PDB file of all heavy atoms in Angstrom:
ATOM      1  N   ALA A   1       0.888  -1.228   0.040  1.00  0.00           N
ATOM      2  CA  ALA A   1      -0.005   0.036   0.028  1.00  0.00           C
ATOM      3  C   ALA A   1       0.881   1.240  -0.012  1.00  0.00           C
ATOM      4  O   ALA A   1       0.510   2.243  -0.650  1.00  0.00           O
ATOM      5  CB  ALA A   1      -0.896   0.014   1.262  1.00  0.00           C
ATOM      6  N   GLU A   2       1.988   1.246   0.760  1.00  0.00           N
ATOM      7  CA  GLU A   2       2.921   2.404   0.816  1.00  0.00           C
ATOM      8  C   GLU A   2       3.600   2.504  -0.531  1.00  0.00           C
ATOM      9  O   GLU A   2       3.696   3.707  -0.995  1.00  0.00           O
ATOM     10  CB  GLU A   2       3.925   2.176   1.934  1.00  0.00           C
ATOM     11  CG  GLU A   2       4.829   3.386   2.113  1.00  0.00           C
ATOM     12  CD  GLU A   2       5.845   3.151   3.192  1.00  0.00           C
ATOM     13  OE1 GLU A   2       5.797   2.136   3.868  1.00  0.00           O
ATOM     14  OE2 GLU A   2       6.710   4.147   3.423  1.00  0.00           O
ATOM     15  N   ALA A   3       4.110   1.524  -1.040  1.00  0.00           N
ATOM     16  CA  ALA A   3       4.960   1.552  -2.270  1.00  0.00           C
ATOM     17  C   ALA A   3       4.132   2.056  -3.514  1.00  0.00           C
ATOM     18  O   ALA A   3       4.611   2.757  -4.328  1.00  0.00           O
ATOM     19  CB  ALA A   3       5.530   0.142  -2.536  1.00  0.00           C
ATOM     20  N   TYR A   4       2.902   1.618  -3.531  1.00  0.00           N
ATOM     21  CA  TYR A   4       2.111   1.927  -4.746  1.00  0.00           C
ATOM     22  C   TYR A   4       0.890   2.923  -4.500  1.00  0.00           C
ATOM     23  O   TYR A   4       0.054   3.079  -5.284  1.00  0.00           O
ATOM     24  CB  TYR A   4       1.466   0.627  -5.345  1.00  0.00           C
ATOM     25  CG  TYR A   4       2.503  -0.298  -5.962  1.00  0.00           C
ATOM     26  CD1 TYR A   4       3.107  -1.388  -5.234  1.00  0.00           C
ATOM     27  CD2 TYR A   4       2.955   0.052  -7.181  1.00  0.00           C
ATOM     28  CE1 TYR A   4       4.067  -2.078  -5.830  1.00  0.00           C
ATOM     29  CE2 TYR A   4       3.990  -0.858  -7.919  1.00  0.00           C
ATOM     30  CZ  TYR A   4       4.439  -1.868  -7.175  1.00  0.00           C
ATOM     31  OH  TYR A   4       5.454  -2.721  -7.726  1.00  0.00           O
ATOM     32  N   GLU A   5       1.021   3.455  -3.337  1.00  0.00           N
ATOM     33  CA  GLU A   5       0.078   4.552  -2.884  1.00  0.00           C
ATOM     34  C   GLU A   5      -1.473   3.941  -3.139  1.00  0.00           C
ATOM     35  O   GLU A   5      -2.230   4.692  -3.739  1.00  0.00           O
ATOM     36  CB  GLU A   5       0.263   5.786  -3.665  1.00  0.00           C
ATOM     37  CG  GLU A   5       1.616   6.432  -3.412  1.00  0.00           C
ATOM     38  CD  GLU A   5       1.772   7.651  -4.247  1.00  0.00           C
ATOM     39  OE1 GLU A   5       0.928   7.955  -5.141  1.00  0.00           O
ATOM     40  OE2 GLU A   5       2.778   8.430  -4.020  1.00  0.00           O
ATOM     41  N   LEU A   6      -1.816   2.824  -2.622  1.00  0.00           N
ATOM     42  CA  LEU A   6      -3.049   2.216  -2.633  1.00  0.00           C
ATOM     43  C   LEU A   6      -3.949   2.674  -1.395  1.00  0.00           C
ATOM     44  O   LEU A   6      -3.408   2.741  -0.329  1.00  0.00           O
ATOM     45  CB  LEU A   6      -2.955   0.747  -2.703  1.00  0.00           C
ATOM     46  CG  LEU A   6      -2.131   0.147  -3.861  1.00  0.00           C
ATOM     47  CD1 LEU A   6      -2.175  -1.407  -3.815  1.00  0.00           C
ATOM     48  CD2 LEU A   6      -2.761   0.574  -5.214  1.00  0.00           C
ATOM     49  N   ASP A   7      -5.190   2.777  -1.606  1.00  0.00           N
ATOM     50  CA  ASP A   7      -6.106   3.095  -0.530  1.00  0.00           C
ATOM     51  C   ASP A   7      -6.595   1.858   0.180  1.00  0.00           C
ATOM     52  O   ASP A   7      -7.419   1.091  -0.375  1.00  0.00           O
ATOM     53  CB  ASP A   7      -7.297   3.930  -1.135  1.00  0.00           C
ATOM     54  CG  ASP A   7      -8.132   4.408  -0.029  1.00  0.00           C
ATOM     55  OD1 ASP A   7      -8.006   4.227   1.211  1.00  0.00           O
ATOM     56  OD2 ASP A   7      -9.333   4.961  -0.495  1.00  0.00           O
ATOM     57  N   ARG A   8      -6.127   1.487   1.303  1.00  0.00           N
ATOM     58  CA  ARG A   8      -6.477   0.325   2.071  1.00  0.00           C
ATOM     59  C   ARG A   8      -7.892   0.387   2.485  1.00  0.00           C
ATOM     60  O   ARG A   8      -8.484  -0.752   2.814  1.00  0.00           O
ATOM     61  CB  ARG A   8      -5.452   0.022   3.220  1.00  0.00           C
ATOM     62  CG  ARG A   8      -4.047  -0.054   2.826  1.00  0.00           C
ATOM     63  CD  ARG A   8      -3.185  -0.530   3.905  1.00  0.00           C
ATOM     64  NE  ARG A   8      -3.419  -1.780   4.494  1.00  0.00           N
ATOM     65  CZ  ARG A   8      -2.818  -2.365   5.504  1.00  0.00           C
ATOM     66  NH1 ARG A   8      -1.940  -1.678   6.128  1.00  0.00           N
ATOM     67  NH2 ARG A   8      -3.077  -3.573   5.882  1.00  0.00           N
ATOM     68  N   SER A   9      -8.495   1.438   2.617  1.00  0.00           N
ATOM     69  CA  SER A   9      -9.803   1.496   3.118  1.00  0.00           C
ATOM     70  C   SER A   9     -10.861   0.909   2.212  1.00  0.00           C
ATOM     71  O   SER A   9     -11.975   0.543   2.639  1.00  0.00           O
ATOM     72  CB  SER A   9     -10.304   3.002   3.438  1.00  0.00           C
ATOM     73  OG  SER A   9     -10.353   3.790   2.188  1.00  0.00           O
ATOM     74  N   ILE A  10     -10.497   0.796   0.957  1.00  0.00           N
ATOM     75  CA  ILE A  10     -11.461   0.120  -0.064  1.00  0.00           C
ATOM     76  C   ILE A  10     -11.138  -1.407  -0.132  1.00  0.00           C
ATOM     77  O   ILE A  10     -11.814  -1.971  -1.021  1.00  0.00           O
ATOM     78  CB  ILE A  10     -11.438   0.822  -1.378  1.00  0.00           C
ATOM     79  CG1 ILE A  10     -10.069   0.692  -2.008  1.00  0.00           C
ATOM     80  CG2 ILE A  10     -11.795   2.296  -1.181  1.00  0.00           C
ATOM     81  CD1 ILE A  10      -9.959   1.249  -3.450  1.00  0.00           C
ATOM     82  N   TRP A  11     -10.167  -1.901   0.444  1.00  0.00           N
ATOM     83  CA  TRP A  11      -9.884  -3.300   0.493  1.00  0.00           C
ATOM     84  C   TRP A  11     -11.049  -4.026   1.053  1.00  0.00           C
ATOM     85  O   TRP A  11     -11.622  -3.624   2.076  1.00  0.00           O
ATOM     86  CB  TRP A  11      -8.536  -3.645   1.022  1.00  0.00           C
ATOM     87  CG  TRP A  11      -7.417  -3.119   0.305  1.00  0.00           C
ATOM     88  CD1 TRP A  11      -7.340  -2.302  -0.835  1.00  0.00           C
ATOM     89  CD2 TRP A  11      -5.973  -3.200   0.503  1.00  0.00           C
ATOM     90  NE1 TRP A  11      -6.148  -1.961  -1.260  1.00  0.00           N
ATOM     91  CE2 TRP A  11      -5.255  -2.653  -0.446  1.00  0.00           C
ATOM     92  CE3 TRP A  11      -5.333  -4.026   1.480  1.00  0.00           C
ATOM     93  CZ2 TRP A  11      -3.935  -2.552  -0.506  1.00  0.00           C
ATOM     94  CZ3 TRP A  11      -3.953  -3.978   1.471  1.00  0.00           C
ATOM     95  CH2 TRP A  11      -3.244  -3.258   0.547  1.00  0.00           C
ATOM     96  N   PRO A  12     -11.345  -5.249   0.661  1.00  0.00           N
ATOM     97  CA  PRO A  12     -12.389  -5.988   1.300  1.00  0.00           C
ATOM     98  C   PRO A  12     -11.847  -6.425   2.777  1.00  0.00           C
ATOM     99  O   PRO A  12     -10.692  -6.659   2.929  1.00  0.00           O
ATOM    100  CB  PRO A  12     -12.565  -7.295   0.438  1.00  0.00           C
ATOM    101  CG  PRO A  12     -11.285  -7.332  -0.334  1.00  0.00           C
ATOM    102  CD  PRO A  12     -10.854  -5.960  -0.526  1.00  0.00           C
ATOM    103  N   GLU A  13     -12.874  -6.541   3.678  1.00  0.00           N
ATOM    104  CA  GLU A  13     -12.427  -6.833   5.116  1.00  0.00           C
ATOM    105  C   GLU A  13     -12.089  -8.241   5.278  1.00  0.00           C
ATOM    106  O   GLU A  13     -11.387  -8.717   6.127  1.00  0.00           O
ATOM    107  CB  GLU A  13     -13.609  -6.346   6.013  1.00  0.00           C
ATOM    108  CG  GLU A  13     -13.789  -4.808   5.957  1.00  0.00           C
ATOM    109  CD  GLU A  13     -14.860  -4.549   7.113  1.00  0.00           C
ATOM    110  OE1 GLU A  13     -15.326  -5.386   7.741  1.00  0.00           O
ATOM    111  OE2 GLU A  13     -15.311  -3.290   7.144  1.00  0.00           O
ATOM    112  N   HIS A  14     -12.832  -9.109   4.506  1.00  0.00           N
ATOM    113  CA  HIS A  14     -12.739 -10.651   4.679  1.00  0.00           C
ATOM    114  C   HIS A  14     -12.207 -11.271   3.516  1.00  0.00           C
ATOM    115  O   HIS A  14     -12.369 -10.806   2.390  1.00  0.00           O
ATOM    116  CB  HIS A  14     -14.135 -11.107   5.102  1.00  0.00           C
ATOM    117  CG  HIS A  14     -14.748 -10.485   6.228  1.00  0.00           C
ATOM    118  ND1 HIS A  14     -14.231 -10.460   7.438  1.00  0.00           N
ATOM    119  CD2 HIS A  14     -15.821  -9.613   6.281  1.00  0.00           C
ATOM    120  CE1 HIS A  14     -15.034  -9.772   8.325  1.00  0.00           C
ATOM    121  NE2 HIS A  14     -15.939  -9.209   7.530  1.00  0.00           N
ATOM    122  N   TYR A  15     -11.680 -12.486   3.650  1.00  0.00           N
ATOM    123  CA  TYR A  15     -11.298 -13.437   2.603  1.00  0.00           C
ATOM    124  C   TYR A  15     -12.582 -14.114   2.117  1.00  0.00           C
ATOM    125  O   TYR A  15     -13.505 -14.272   2.848  1.00  0.00           O
ATOM    126  CB  TYR A  15     -10.331 -14.360   3.116  1.00  0.00           C
ATOM    127  CG  TYR A  15      -9.014 -13.918   3.325  1.00  0.00           C
ATOM    128  CD1 TYR A  15      -8.586 -13.129   4.379  1.00  0.00           C
ATOM    129  CD2 TYR A  15      -7.983 -14.248   2.400  1.00  0.00           C
ATOM    130  CE1 TYR A  15      -7.279 -12.568   4.492  1.00  0.00           C
ATOM    131  CE2 TYR A  15      -6.583 -13.678   2.490  1.00  0.00           C
ATOM    132  CZ  TYR A  15      -6.284 -12.914   3.656  1.00  0.00           C
ATOM    133  OH  TYR A  15      -5.090 -12.399   3.848  1.00  0.00           O
ATOM    134  N   VAL A  16     -12.565 -14.634   0.889  1.00  0.00           N
ATOM    135  CA  VAL A  16     -13.609 -15.393   0.333  1.00  0.00           C
ATOM    136  C   VAL A  16     -12.927 -16.616  -0.294  1.00  0.00           C
ATOM    137  O   VAL A  16     -11.757 -16.576  -0.796  1.00  0.00           O
ATOM    138  CB  VAL A  16     -14.446 -14.683  -0.755  1.00  0.00           C
ATOM    139  CG1 VAL A  16     -15.139 -13.455  -0.137  1.00  0.00           C
ATOM    140  CG2 VAL A  16     -13.657 -14.325  -1.976  1.00  0.00           C
ATOM    141  N   PHE A  17     -13.720 -17.823  -0.300  1.00  0.00           N
ATOM    142  CA  PHE A  17     -13.299 -19.002  -0.832  1.00  0.00           C
ATOM    143  C   PHE A  17     -13.090 -18.971  -2.341  1.00  0.00           C
ATOM    144  O   PHE A  17     -13.828 -18.247  -3.035  1.00  0.00           O
ATOM    145  CB  PHE A  17     -14.212 -20.169  -0.536  1.00  0.00           C
ATOM    146  CG  PHE A  17     -13.979 -20.721   0.951  1.00  0.00           C
ATOM    147  CD1 PHE A  17     -15.081 -20.853   1.797  1.00  0.00           C
ATOM    148  CD2 PHE A  17     -12.719 -21.050   1.359  1.00  0.00           C
ATOM    149  CE1 PHE A  17     -14.860 -21.243   3.113  1.00  0.00           C
ATOM    150  CE2 PHE A  17     -12.575 -21.548   2.664  1.00  0.00           C
ATOM    151  CZ  PHE A  17     -13.618 -21.702   3.489  1.00  0.00           C
ATOM    152  N   ASN A  18     -12.143 -19.659  -2.843  1.00  0.00           N
ATOM    153  CA  ASN A  18     -12.007 -19.856  -4.337  1.00  0.00           C
ATOM    154  C   ASN A  18     -11.685 -21.279  -4.657  1.00  0.00           C
ATOM    155  O   ASN A  18     -10.983 -21.925  -3.881  1.00  0.00           O
ATOM    156  CB  ASN A  18     -10.803 -18.903  -4.824  1.00  0.00           C
ATOM    157  CG  ASN A  18     -10.539 -19.056  -6.256  1.00  0.00           C
ATOM    158  OD1 ASN A  18      -9.649 -19.715  -6.760  1.00  0.00           O
ATOM    159  ND2 ASN A  18     -11.353 -18.455  -7.067  1.00  0.00           N
ATOM    160  N   PHE A  19     -12.256 -21.781  -5.744  1.00  0.00           N
ATOM    161  CA  PHE A  19     -12.112 -23.182  -6.084  1.00  0.00           C
ATOM    162  C   PHE A  19     -11.606 -23.478  -7.410  1.00  0.00           C
ATOM    163  O   PHE A  19     -11.938 -24.490  -7.999  1.00  0.00           O
ATOM    164  CB  PHE A  19     -13.536 -23.874  -5.914  1.00  0.00           C
ATOM    165  CG  PHE A  19     -14.235 -23.582  -4.577  1.00  0.00           C
ATOM    166  CD1 PHE A  19     -15.071 -22.556  -4.430  1.00  0.00           C
ATOM    167  CD2 PHE A  19     -14.043 -24.407  -3.555  1.00  0.00           C
ATOM    168  CE1 PHE A  19     -15.730 -22.243  -3.307  1.00  0.00           C
ATOM    169  CE2 PHE A  19     -14.723 -24.217  -2.310  1.00  0.00           C
ATOM    170  CZ  PHE A  19     -15.568 -23.145  -2.171  1.00  0.00           C
ATOM    171  N   ALA A  20     -10.720 -22.637  -7.889  1.00  0.00           N
ATOM    172  CA  ALA A  20     -10.171 -22.874  -9.229  1.00  0.00           C
ATOM    173  C   ALA A  20      -9.293 -24.104  -9.222  1.00  0.00           C
ATOM    174  O   ALA A  20      -8.421 -24.305  -8.393  1.00  0.00           O
ATOM    175  CB  ALA A  20      -9.288 -21.610  -9.617  1.00  0.00           C
ATOM    176  N   GLY A  21      -9.440 -24.926 -10.254  1.00  0.00           N
ATOM    177  CA  GLY A  21      -8.652 -26.000 -10.558  1.00  0.00           C
ATOM    178  C   GLY A  21      -8.755 -27.073  -9.468  1.00  0.00           C
ATOM    179  O   GLY A  21      -7.859 -27.955  -9.291  1.00  0.00           O
ATOM    180  N   GLY A  22      -9.835 -27.092  -8.749  1.00  0.00           N
ATOM    181  CA  GLY A  22      -9.989 -28.107  -7.722  1.00  0.00           C
ATOM    182  C   GLY A  22      -9.299 -27.913  -6.425  1.00  0.00           C
ATOM    183  O   GLY A  22      -9.421 -28.729  -5.473  1.00  0.00           O
ATOM    184  N   ALA A  23      -8.629 -26.720  -6.337  1.00  0.00           N
ATOM    185  CA  ALA A  23      -7.972 -26.456  -5.027  1.00  0.00           C
ATOM    186  C   ALA A  23      -8.718 -25.415  -4.257  1.00  0.00           C
ATOM    187  O   ALA A  23      -9.120 -24.413  -4.827  1.00  0.00           O
ATOM    188  CB  ALA A  23      -6.645 -25.857  -5.438  1.00  0.00           C
ATOM    189  N   THR A  24      -9.015 -25.732  -2.936  1.00  0.00           N
ATOM    190  CA  THR A  24      -9.914 -24.809  -2.132  1.00  0.00           C
ATOM    191  C   THR A  24      -8.986 -23.945  -1.381  1.00  0.00           C
ATOM    192  O   THR A  24      -8.218 -24.378  -0.492  1.00  0.00           O
ATOM    193  CB  THR A  24     -10.711 -25.551  -1.210  1.00  0.00           C
ATOM    194  OG1 THR A  24     -11.670 -26.456  -2.013  1.00  0.00           O
ATOM    195  CG2 THR A  24     -11.653 -24.660  -0.435  1.00  0.00           C
ATOM    196  N   THR A  25      -8.920 -22.580  -1.741  1.00  0.00           N
ATOM    197  CA  THR A  25      -8.121 -21.646  -0.997  1.00  0.00           C
ATOM    198  C   THR A  25      -9.051 -20.465  -0.709  1.00  0.00           C
ATOM    199  O   THR A  25     -10.171 -20.489  -0.956  1.00  0.00           O
ATOM    200  CB  THR A  25      -6.998 -21.129  -1.977  1.00  0.00           C
ATOM    201  OG1 THR A  25      -7.596 -20.512  -3.159  1.00  0.00           O
ATOM    202  CG2 THR A  25      -6.081 -22.288  -2.366  1.00  0.00           C
ATOM    203  N   HIS A  26      -8.452 -19.435  -0.017  1.00  0.00           N
ATOM    204  CA  HIS A  26      -9.245 -18.205   0.156  1.00  0.00           C
ATOM    205  C   HIS A  26      -8.406 -17.157  -0.363  1.00  0.00           C
ATOM    206  O   HIS A  26      -7.185 -17.099  -0.291  1.00  0.00           O
ATOM    207  CB  HIS A  26      -9.782 -18.086   1.611  1.00  0.00           C
ATOM    208  CG  HIS A  26      -8.703 -18.141   2.708  1.00  0.00           C
ATOM    209  ND1 HIS A  26      -8.961 -17.867   3.995  1.00  0.00           N
ATOM    210  CD2 HIS A  26      -7.389 -18.445   2.635  1.00  0.00           C
ATOM    211  CE1 HIS A  26      -7.936 -18.015   4.665  1.00  0.00           C
ATOM    212  NE2 HIS A  26      -6.933 -18.358   3.957  1.00  0.00           N
TER     213      HIS A  26
END
């Protein structure tokens, strides 16, 4: 966030599951 001057306030608060390629990650 510091290096690229990104606004962290608009980042999502939580993780979500992803199931691409049969691998369950968040």
